[in-house]
All heavy atoms as atom14 arrays in JSON, in Angstrom:
{
  "sequence": "PPRSEIRASLAKRFADEGTDGTFVGYKTDDYLIIASDPQRSG",
  "atom14_mask": [
    [1, 1, 1, 1, 1, 1, 1, 0, 0, 0, 0, 0, 0, 0],
    [1, 1, 1, 1, 1, 1, 1, 0, 0, 0, 0, 0, 0, 0],
    [1, 1, 1, 1, 1, 1, 1, 1, 1, 1, 1, 0, 0, 0],
    [1, 1, 1, 1, 1, 1, 0, 0, 0, 0, 0, 0, 0, 0],
    [1, 1, 1, 1, 1, 1, 1, 1, 1, 0, 0, 0, 0, 0],
    [1, 1, 1, 1, 1, 1, 1, 1, 0, 0, 0, 0, 0, 0],
    [1, 1, 1, 1, 1, 1, 1, 1, 1, 1, 1, 0, 0, 0],
    [1, 1, 1, 1, 1, 0, 0, 0, 0, 0, 0, 0, 0, 0],
    [1, 1, 1, 1, 1, 1, 0, 0, 0, 0, 0, 0, 0, 0],
    [1, 1, 1, 1, 1, 1, 1, 1, 0, 0, 0, 0, 0, 0],
    [1, 1, 1, 1, 1, 0, 0, 0, 0, 0, 0, 0, 0, 0],
    [1, 1, 1, 1, 1, 1, 1, 1, 1, 0, 0, 0, 0, 0],
    [1, 1, 1, 1, 1, 1, 1, 1, 1, 1, 1, 0, 0, 0],
    [1, 1, 1, 1, 1, 1, 1, 1, 1, 1, 1, 0, 0, 0],
    [1, 1, 1, 1, 1, 0, 0, 0, 0, 0, 0, 0, 0, 0],
    [1, 1, 1, 1, 1, 1, 1, 1, 0, 0, 0, 0, 0, 0],
    [1, 1, 1, 1, 1, 1, 1, 1, 1, 0, 0, 0, 0, 0],
    [1, 1, 1, 1, 0, 0, 0, 0, 0, 0, 0, 0, 0, 0],
    [1, 1, 1, 1, 1, 1, 1, 0, 0, 0, 0, 0, 0, 0],
    [1, 1, 1, 1, 1, 1, 1, 1, 0, 0, 0, 0, 0, 0],
    [1, 1, 1, 1, 0, 0, 0, 0, 0, 0, 0, 0, 0, 0],
    [1, 1, 1, 1, 1, 1, 1, 0, 0, 0, 0, 0, 0, 0],
    [1, 1, 1, 1, 1, 1, 1, 1, 1, 1, 1, 0, 0, 0],
    [1, 1, 1, 1, 1, 1, 1, 0, 0, 0, 0, 0, 0, 0],
    [1, 1, 1, 1, 0, 0, 0, 0, 0, 0, 0, 0, 0, 0],
    [1, 1, 1, 1, 1, 1, 1, 1, 1, 1, 1, 1, 0, 0],
    [1, 1, 1, 1, 1, 1, 1, 1, 1, 0, 0, 0, 0, 0],
    [1, 1, 1, 1, 1, 1, 1, 0, 0, 0, 0, 0, 0, 0],
    [1, 1, 1, 1, 1, 1, 1, 1, 0, 0, 0, 0, 0, 0],
    [1, 1, 1, 1, 1, 1, 1, 1, 0, 0, 0, 0, 0, 0],
    [1, 1, 1, 1, 1, 1, 1, 1, 1, 1, 1, 1, 0, 0],
    [1, 1, 1, 1, 1, 1, 1, 1, 0, 0, 0, 0, 0, 0],
    [1, 1, 1, 1, 1, 1, 1, 1, 0, 0, 0, 0, 0, 0],
    [1, 1, 1, 1, 1, 1, 1, 1, 0, 0, 0, 0, 0, 0],
    [1, 1, 1, 1, 1, 0, 0, 0, 0, 0, 0, 0, 0, 0],
    [1, 1, 1, 1, 1, 1, 0, 0, 0, 0, 0, 0, 0, 0],
    [1, 1, 1, 1, 1, 1, 1, 1, 0, 0, 0, 0, 0, 0],
    [1, 1, 1, 1, 1, 1, 1, 0, 0, 0, 0, 0, 0, 0],
    [1, 1, 1, 1, 1, 1, 1, 1, 1, 0, 0, 0, 0, 0],
    [1, 1, 1, 1, 1, 1, 1, 1, 1, 1, 1, 0, 0, 0],
    [1, 1, 1, 1, 1, 1, 0, 0, 0, 0, 0, 0, 0, 0],
    [1, 1, 1, 1, 0, 0, 0, 0, 0, 0, 0, 0, 0, 0]
  ],
  "atom14_positions": [
    [[0.85, -1.2, 0.0], [-0.01, 0.0, 0.01], [0.87, 1.26, 0.0], [1.92, 1.31, 0.68], [-0.79, -0.11, 1.32], [-0.79, -1.57, 1.6], [0.52, -2.1, 1.1], [0.0, 0.0, 0.0], [0.0, 0.0, 0.0], [0.0, 0.0, 0.0], [0.0, 0.0, 0.0], [0.0, 0.0, 0.0], [0.0, 0.0, 0.0], [0.0, 0.0, 0.0]],
    [[0.49, 2.27, -0.8], [1.33, 3.44, -0.86], [1.22, 4.3, 0.43], [0.24, 4.27, 1.11], [0.72, 4.21, -2.04], [-0.72, 3.79, -2.0], [-0.73, 2.36, -1.59], [0.0, 0.0, 0.0], [0.0, 0.0, 0.0], [0.0, 0.0, 0.0], [0.0, 0.0, 0.0], [0.0, 0.0, 0.0], [0.0, 0.0, 0.0], [0.0, 0.0, 0.0]],
    [[2.33, 5.0, 0.65], [2.25, 6.06, 1.67], [1.65, 7.29, 1.02], [1.63, 7.43, -0.19], [3.67, 6.35, 2.18], [4.33, 5.16, 2.91], [5.74, 5.52, 3.3], [6.62, 5.66, 2.19], [7.29, 6.77, 1.87], [7.21, 7.85, 2.66], [8.1, 6.84, 0.82], [0.0, 0.0, 0.0], [0.0, 0.0, 0.0], [0.0, 0.0, 0.0]],
    [[1.16, 8.2, 1.85], [0.56, 9.42, 1.32], [0.78, 10.55, 2.24], [0.9, 10.37, 3.46], [-0.94, 9.22, 1.03], [-1.62, 8.83, 2.21], [0.0, 0.0, 0.0], [0.0, 0.0, 0.0], [0.0, 0.0, 0.0], [0.0, 0.0, 0.0], [0.0, 0.0, 0.0], [0.0, 0.0, 0.0], [0.0, 0.0, 0.0], [0.0, 0.0, 0.0]],
    [[0.82, 11.78, 1.68], [0.99, 12.96, 2.48], [0.43, 14.19, 1.78], [0.39, 14.24, 0.56], [2.47, 13.17, 2.88], [3.41, 13.35, 1.71], [4.88, 13.43, 2.15], [5.42, 12.44, 2.63], [5.48, 14.52, 1.95], [0.0, 0.0, 0.0], [0.0, 0.0, 0.0], [0.0, 0.0, 0.0], [0.0, 0.0, 0.0], [0.0, 0.0, 0.0]],
    [[0.04, 15.16, 2.58], [-0.42, 16.46, 2.13], [0.72, 17.45, 2.35], [1.31, 17.48, 3.43], [-1.64, 16.95, 2.89], [-2.8, 15.94, 2.74], [-2.08, 18.32, 2.39], [-3.35, 15.79, 1.37], [0.0, 0.0, 0.0], [0.0, 0.0, 0.0], [0.0, 0.0, 0.0], [0.0, 0.0, 0.0], [0.0, 0.0, 0.0], [0.0, 0.0, 0.0]],
    [[1.06, 18.24, 1.29], [2.06, 19.27, 1.46], [1.41, 20.61, 1.09], [1.19, 20.91, -0.07], [3.28, 19.02, 0.54], [4.08, 17.77, 0.92], [5.37, 17.7, 0.14], [6.04, 16.44, 0.38], [7.15, 16.05, -0.27], [7.7, 16.88, -1.17], [7.71, 14.9, 0.0], [0.0, 0.0, 0.0], [0.0, 0.0, 0.0], [0.0, 0.0, 0.0]],
    [[1.1, 21.39, 2.14], [0.41, 22.64, 1.91], [1.25, 23.61, 1.09], [0.73, 24.5, 0.44], [0.04, 23.26, 3.25], [0.0, 0.0, 0.0], [0.0, 0.0, 0.0], [0.0, 0.0, 0.0], [0.0, 0.0, 0.0], [0.0, 0.0, 0.0], [0.0, 0.0, 0.0], [0.0, 0.0, 0.0], [0.0, 0.0, 0.0], [0.0, 0.0, 0.0]],
    [[2.57, 23.46, 1.14], [3.44, 24.31, 0.38], [3.17, 24.24, -1.14], [3.39, 25.2, -1.87], [4.9, 23.99, 0.64], [5.2, 22.63, 0.26], [0.0, 0.0, 0.0], [0.0, 0.0, 0.0], [0.0, 0.0, 0.0], [0.0, 0.0, 0.0], [0.0, 0.0, 0.0], [0.0, 0.0, 0.0], [0.0, 0.0, 0.0], [0.0, 0.0, 0.0]],
    [[2.66, 23.08, -1.57], [2.34, 22.91, -3.0], [1.1, 23.78, -3.36], [1.08, 24.32, -4.49], [2.06, 21.46, -3.32], [3.2, 20.45, -3.0], [2.76, 19.05, -3.32], [4.45, 20.81, -3.77], [0.0, 0.0, 0.0], [0.0, 0.0, 0.0], [0.0, 0.0, 0.0], [0.0, 0.0, 0.0], [0.0, 0.0, 0.0], [0.0, 0.0, 0.0]],
    [[0.17, 23.85, -2.48], [-1.05, 24.64, -2.77], [-0.7, 26.12, -2.93], [-1.35, 26.83, -3.67], [-2.03, 24.49, -1.62], [0.0, 0.0, 0.0], [0.0, 0.0, 0.0], [0.0, 0.0, 0.0], [0.0, 0.0, 0.0], [0.0, 0.0, 0.0], [0.0, 0.0, 0.0], [0.0, 0.0, 0.0], [0.0, 0.0, 0.0], [0.0, 0.0, 0.0]],
    [[0.38, 26.56, -2.25], [0.8, 27.98, -2.4], [1.18, 28.33, -3.79], [1.02, 29.49, -4.23], [1.94, 28.27, -1.44], [2.34, 29.74, -1.31], [3.41, 29.93, -0.27], [3.74, 31.39, -0.09], [4.32, 31.97, -1.35], [0.0, 0.0, 0.0], [0.0, 0.0, 0.0], [0.0, 0.0, 0.0], [0.0, 0.0, 0.0], [0.0, 0.0, 0.0]],
    [[1.64, 27.36, -4.58], [1.98, 27.64, -5.98], [0.77, 28.14, -6.74], [0.89, 29.06, -7.59], [2.5, 26.35, -6.64], [3.83, 25.83, -6.09], [4.97, 26.71, -6.64], [6.25, 26.12, -6.34], [7.42, 26.7, -6.61], [7.48, 27.91, -7.14], [8.55, 26.08, -6.27], [0.0, 0.0, 0.0], [0.0, 0.0, 0.0], [0.0, 0.0, 0.0]],
    [[-0.41, 27.59, -6.52], [-1.6, 28.04, -7.18], [-2.03, 29.47, -6.7], [-2.4, 30.31, -7.47], [-2.75, 27.04, -6.98], [-2.48, 25.68, -7.61], [-2.0, 24.64, -6.81], [-2.68, 25.48, -8.94], [-1.72, 23.4, -7.39], [-2.43, 24.24, -9.53], [-1.96, 23.18, -8.75], [0.0, 0.0, 0.0], [0.0, 0.0, 0.0], [0.0, 0.0, 0.0]],
    [[-1.94, 29.64, -5.4], [-2.29, 30.93, -4.82], [-1.37, 32.04, -5.39], [-1.86, 33.15, -5.71], [-2.21, 30.9, -3.31], [0.0, 0.0, 0.0], [0.0, 0.0, 0.0], [0.0, 0.0, 0.0], [0.0, 0.0, 0.0], [0.0, 0.0, 0.0], [0.0, 0.0, 0.0], [0.0, 0.0, 0.0], [0.0, 0.0, 0.0], [0.0, 0.0, 0.0]],
    [[-0.1, 31.71, -5.54], [0.81, 32.67, -6.08], [0.51, 33.06, -7.54], [0.89, 34.11, -8.02], [2.29, 32.16, -6.0], [2.8, 32.12, -4.59], [2.15, 32.73, -3.68], [3.82, 31.45, -4.34], [0.0, 0.0, 0.0], [0.0, 0.0, 0.0], [0.0, 0.0, 0.0], [0.0, 0.0, 0.0], [0.0, 0.0, 0.0], [0.0, 0.0, 0.0]],
    [[-0.18, 32.11, -8.21], [-0.6, 32.39, -9.63], [-1.95, 33.13, -9.68], [-2.46, 33.39, -10.74], [-0.7, 31.05, -10.4], [0.63, 30.53, -10.88], [1.25, 31.4, -11.95], [0.55, 31.81, -12.88], [2.47, 31.7, -11.82], [0.0, 0.0, 0.0], [0.0, 0.0, 0.0], [0.0, 0.0, 0.0], [0.0, 0.0, 0.0], [0.0, 0.0, 0.0]],
    [[-2.53, 33.36, -8.49], [-3.82, 34.06, -8.47], [-4.97, 33.2, -8.83], [-6.0, 33.7, -9.35], [0.0, 0.0, 0.0], [0.0, 0.0, 0.0], [0.0, 0.0, 0.0], [0.0, 0.0, 0.0], [0.0, 0.0, 0.0], [0.0, 0.0, 0.0], [0.0, 0.0, 0.0], [0.0, 0.0, 0.0], [0.0, 0.0, 0.0], [0.0, 0.0, 0.0]],
    [[-4.94, 31.92, -8.49], [-6.01, 31.01, -8.84], [-6.06, 29.88, -7.78], [-5.28, 29.83, -6.88], [-5.84, 30.4, -10.24], [-7.05, 29.74, -10.64], [-4.65, 29.51, -10.36], [0.0, 0.0, 0.0], [0.0, 0.0, 0.0], [0.0, 0.0, 0.0], [0.0, 0.0, 0.0], [0.0, 0.0, 0.0], [0.0, 0.0, 0.0], [0.0, 0.0, 0.0]],
    [[-7.09, 29.05, -7.94], [-7.24, 27.81, -7.15], [-6.91, 26.61, -8.01], [-7.24, 26.62, -9.21], [-8.63, 27.69, -6.58], [-8.92, 28.72, -5.49], [-7.92, 29.08, -4.76], [-10.05, 29.15, -5.35], [0.0, 0.0, 0.0], [0.0, 0.0, 0.0], [0.0, 0.0, 0.0], [0.0, 0.0, 0.0], [0.0, 0.0, 0.0], [0.0, 0.0, 0.0]],
    [[-6.33, 25.6, -7.41], [-6.06, 24.38, -8.18], [-5.61, 23.3, -7.21], [-5.6, 23.41, -6.01], [0.0, 0.0, 0.0], [0.0, 0.0, 0.0], [0.0, 0.0, 0.0], [0.0, 0.0, 0.0], [0.0, 0.0, 0.0], [0.0, 0.0, 0.0], [0.0, 0.0, 0.0], [0.0, 0.0, 0.0], [0.0, 0.0, 0.0], [0.0, 0.0, 0.0]],
    [[-5.23, 22.17, -7.8], [-4.76, 21.06, -7.03], [-3.71, 20.26, -7.83], [-3.73, 20.25, -9.07], [-5.92, 20.11, -6.65], [-5.47, 19.15, -5.67], [-6.51, 19.39, -7.85], [0.0, 0.0, 0.0], [0.0, 0.0, 0.0], [0.0, 0.0, 0.0], [0.0, 0.0, 0.0], [0.0, 0.0, 0.0], [0.0, 0.0, 0.0], [0.0, 0.0, 0.0]],
    [[-2.83, 19.58, -7.1], [-1.81, 18.77, -7.7], [-1.64, 17.5, -6.91], [-1.69, 17.5, -5.67], [-0.46, 19.52, -7.66], [0.74, 18.71, -8.03], [1.12, 18.48, -9.36], [1.51, 18.09, -7.01], [2.23, 17.71, -9.65], [2.62, 17.3, -7.31], [2.98, 17.12, -8.65], [0.0, 0.0, 0.0], [0.0, 0.0, 0.0], [0.0, 0.0, 0.0]],
    [[-1.53, 16.41, -7.63], [-1.22, 15.11, -6.98], [-0.1, 14.45, -7.79], [-0.15, 14.39, -9.02], [-2.45, 14.2, -6.93], [-2.1, 12.85, -6.24], [-3.62, 14.84, -6.26], [0.0, 0.0, 0.0], [0.0, 0.0, 0.0], [0.0, 0.0, 0.0], [0.0, 0.0, 0.0], [0.0, 0.0, 0.0], [0.0, 0.0, 0.0], [0.0, 0.0, 0.0]],
    [[0.92, 14.0, -7.09], [2.0, 13.26, -7.7], [2.16, 11.89, -7.05], [2.02, 11.76, -5.82], [0.0, 0.0, 0.0], [0.0, 0.0, 0.0], [0.0, 0.0, 0.0], [0.0, 0.0, 0.0], [0.0, 0.0, 0.0], [0.0, 0.0, 0.0], [0.0, 0.0, 0.0], [0.0, 0.0, 0.0], [0.0, 0.0, 0.0], [0.0, 0.0, 0.0]],
    [[2.44, 10.87, -7.86], [2.72, 9.53, -7.37], [4.11, 9.12, -7.74], [4.46, 8.88, -8.9], [1.66, 8.54, -7.94], [2.02, 7.1, -7.7], [2.42, 6.63, -6.47], [1.92, 6.17, -8.73], [2.75, 5.31, -6.22], [2.24, 4.82, -8.52], [2.65, 4.41, -7.29], [2.95, 3.09, -7.05], [0.0, 0.0, 0.0], [0.0, 0.0, 0.0]],
    [[4.98, 9.07, -6.72], [6.38, 8.65, -6.93], [6.42, 7.14, -6.9], [6.32, 6.51, -5.84], [7.29, 9.32, -5.87], [7.2, 10.85, -5.84], [8.27, 11.46, -5.0], [9.57, 11.47, -5.75], [10.62, 12.26, -4.98], [0.0, 0.0, 0.0], [0.0, 0.0, 0.0], [0.0, 0.0, 0.0], [0.0, 0.0, 0.0], [0.0, 0.0, 0.0]],
    [[6.55, 6.58, -8.07], [6.32, 5.14, -8.23], [7.32, 4.29, -7.45], [6.98, 3.25, -6.89], [6.28, 4.71, -9.69], [7.59, 4.98, -10.27], [5.21, 5.52, -10.41], [0.0, 0.0, 0.0], [0.0, 0.0, 0.0], [0.0, 0.0, 0.0], [0.0, 0.0, 0.0], [0.0, 0.0, 0.0], [0.0, 0.0, 0.0], [0.0, 0.0, 0.0]],
    [[8.59, 4.7, -7.42], [9.6, 3.88, -6.76], [9.42, 3.9, -5.25], [9.79, 2.95, -4.56], [10.99, 4.42, -7.09], [11.4, 4.08, -8.52], [10.74, 3.25, -9.16], [12.4, 4.62, -9.01], [0.0, 0.0, 0.0], [0.0, 0.0, 0.0], [0.0, 0.0, 0.0], [0.0, 0.0, 0.0], [0.0, 0.0, 0.0], [0.0, 0.0, 0.0]],
    [[8.86, 5.0, -4.75], [8.66, 5.12, -3.3], [7.27, 4.73, -2.83], [7.0, 4.76, -1.62], [8.94, 6.57, -2.87], [10.32, 7.03, -3.17], [11.26, 6.19, -3.15], [10.52, 8.23, -3.46], [0.0, 0.0, 0.0], [0.0, 0.0, 0.0], [0.0, 0.0, 0.0], [0.0, 0.0, 0.0], [0.0, 0.0, 0.0], [0.0, 0.0, 0.0]],
    [[6.38, 4.38, -3.79], [4.96, 4.13, -3.44], [4.42, 5.31, -2.61], [3.69, 5.07, -1.63], [4.79, 2.81, -2.67], [5.37, 1.59, -3.38], [5.94, 0.58, -2.65], [5.31, 1.48, -4.77], [6.48, -0.56, -3.28], [5.82, 0.35, -5.39], [6.41, -0.65, -4.64], [6.94, -1.73, -5.29], [0.0, 0.0, 0.0], [0.0, 0.0, 0.0]],
    [[4.75, 6.5, -3.05], [4.37, 7.7, -2.28], [3.49, 8.6, -3.08], [3.86, 8.99, -4.2], [5.66, 8.44, -1.88], [5.44, 9.81, -1.17], [4.72, 9.61, 0.14], [6.79, 10.5, -0.96], [0.0, 0.0, 0.0], [0.0, 0.0, 0.0], [0.0, 0.0, 0.0], [0.0, 0.0, 0.0], [0.0, 0.0, 0.0], [0.0, 0.0, 0.0]],
    [[2.3, 8.91, -2.52], [1.39, 9.87, -3.14], [1.5, 11.17, -2.35], [1.39, 11.2, -1.12], [-0.08, 9.36, -3.05], [-0.26, 8.09, -3.87], [-1.04, 10.43, -3.56], [-1.59, 7.41, -3.64], [0.0, 0.0, 0.0], [0.0, 0.0, 0.0], [0.0, 0.0, 0.0], [0.0, 0.0, 0.0], [0.0, 0.0, 0.0], [0.0, 0.0, 0.0]],
    [[1.75, 12.23, -3.1], [1.87, 13.58, -2.51], [0.83, 14.49, -3.12], [0.73, 14.58, -4.35], [3.29, 14.16, -2.78], [4.38, 13.22, -2.25], [3.42, 15.56, -2.11], [5.77, 13.6, -2.69], [0.0, 0.0, 0.0], [0.0, 0.0, 0.0], [0.0, 0.0, 0.0], [0.0, 0.0, 0.0], [0.0, 0.0, 0.0], [0.0, 0.0, 0.0]],
    [[0.03, 15.08, -2.28], [-1.05, 15.96, -2.75], [-0.94, 17.34, -2.16], [-0.43, 17.52, -1.02], [-2.43, 15.37, -2.42], [0.0, 0.0, 0.0], [0.0, 0.0, 0.0], [0.0, 0.0, 0.0], [0.0, 0.0, 0.0], [0.0, 0.0, 0.0], [0.0, 0.0, 0.0], [0.0, 0.0, 0.0], [0.0, 0.0, 0.0], [0.0, 0.0, 0.0]],
    [[-1.43, 18.32, -2.89], [-1.37, 19.71, -2.4], [-2.48, 19.99, -1.39], [-2.39, 20.97, -0.63], [-1.49, 20.66, -3.57], [-2.75, 20.54, -4.22], [0.0, 0.0, 0.0], [0.0, 0.0, 0.0], [0.0, 0.0, 0.0], [0.0, 0.0, 0.0], [0.0, 0.0, 0.0], [0.0, 0.0, 0.0], [0.0, 0.0, 0.0], [0.0, 0.0, 0.0]],
    [[-3.53, 19.18, -1.38], [-4.65, 19.41, -0.47], [-5.47, 18.14, -0.43], [-5.37, 17.26, -1.28], [-5.55, 20.56, -1.01], [-6.23, 20.15, -2.29], [-5.61, 20.32, -3.41], [-7.37, 19.71, -2.24], [0.0, 0.0, 0.0], [0.0, 0.0, 0.0], [0.0, 0.0, 0.0], [0.0, 0.0, 0.0], [0.0, 0.0, 0.0], [0.0, 0.0, 0.0]],
    [[-6.31, 18.0, 0.6], [-7.12, 16.77, 0.76], [-8.53, 16.93, 0.17], [-9.29, 15.96, 0.25], [-7.17, 16.59, 2.28], [-7.16, 17.99, 2.79], [-6.31, 18.81, 1.85], [0.0, 0.0, 0.0], [0.0, 0.0, 0.0], [0.0, 0.0, 0.0], [0.0, 0.0, 0.0], [0.0, 0.0, 0.0], [0.0, 0.0, 0.0], [0.0, 0.0, 0.0]],
    [[-8.89, 18.07, -0.34], [-10.26, 18.25, -0.82], [-10.36, 18.24, -2.34], [-10.93, 17.29, -2.92], [-10.84, 19.58, -0.27], [-11.11, 19.6, 1.21], [-9.91, 20.07, 2.01], [-9.02, 20.73, 1.52], [-9.91, 19.7, 3.26], [0.0, 0.0, 0.0], [0.0, 0.0, 0.0], [0.0, 0.0, 0.0], [0.0, 0.0, 0.0], [0.0, 0.0, 0.0]],
    [[-9.79, 19.24, -2.99], [-9.96, 19.34, -4.43], [-9.25, 18.17, -5.14], [-9.65, 17.82, -6.27], [-9.42, 20.67, -4.94], [-9.58, 20.91, -6.42], [-9.45, 22.32, -6.79], [-9.42, 22.51, -8.25], [-9.75, 23.61, -8.9], [-10.19, 24.68, -8.25], [-9.67, 23.65, -10.21], [0.0, 0.0, 0.0], [0.0, 0.0, 0.0], [0.0, 0.0, 0.0]],
    [[-8.23, 17.59, -4.54], [-7.56, 16.44, -5.19], [-8.5, 15.3, -5.42], [-8.25, 14.46, -6.28], [-6.37, 16.0, -4.35], [-6.78, 15.77, -3.01], [0.0, 0.0, 0.0], [0.0, 0.0, 0.0], [0.0, 0.0, 0.0], [0.0, 0.0, 0.0], [0.0, 0.0, 0.0], [0.0, 0.0, 0.0], [0.0, 0.0, 0.0], [0.0, 0.0, 0.0]],
    [[-9.62, 15.26, -4.66], [-10.62, 14.22, -4.87], [-11.88, 14.71, -5.53], [-12.89, 13.99, -5.56], [0.0, 0.0, 0.0], [0.0, 0.0, 0.0], [0.0, 0.0, 0.0], [0.0, 0.0, 0.0], [0.0, 0.0, 0.0], [0.0, 0.0, 0.0], [0.0, 0.0, 0.0], [0.0, 0.0, 0.0], [0.0, 0.0, 0.0], [0.0, 0.0, 0.0]]
  ]
}
């Protein structure tokens, strides 16, 4: 099963662009899911 984490610093990238958005990355070798937020990503 993959590990997972939220990194709020990623969400700041969208705010700095003057918009709202979401990002999810899956690092396949690490079985690691990294998301910018827990709401819009789903």
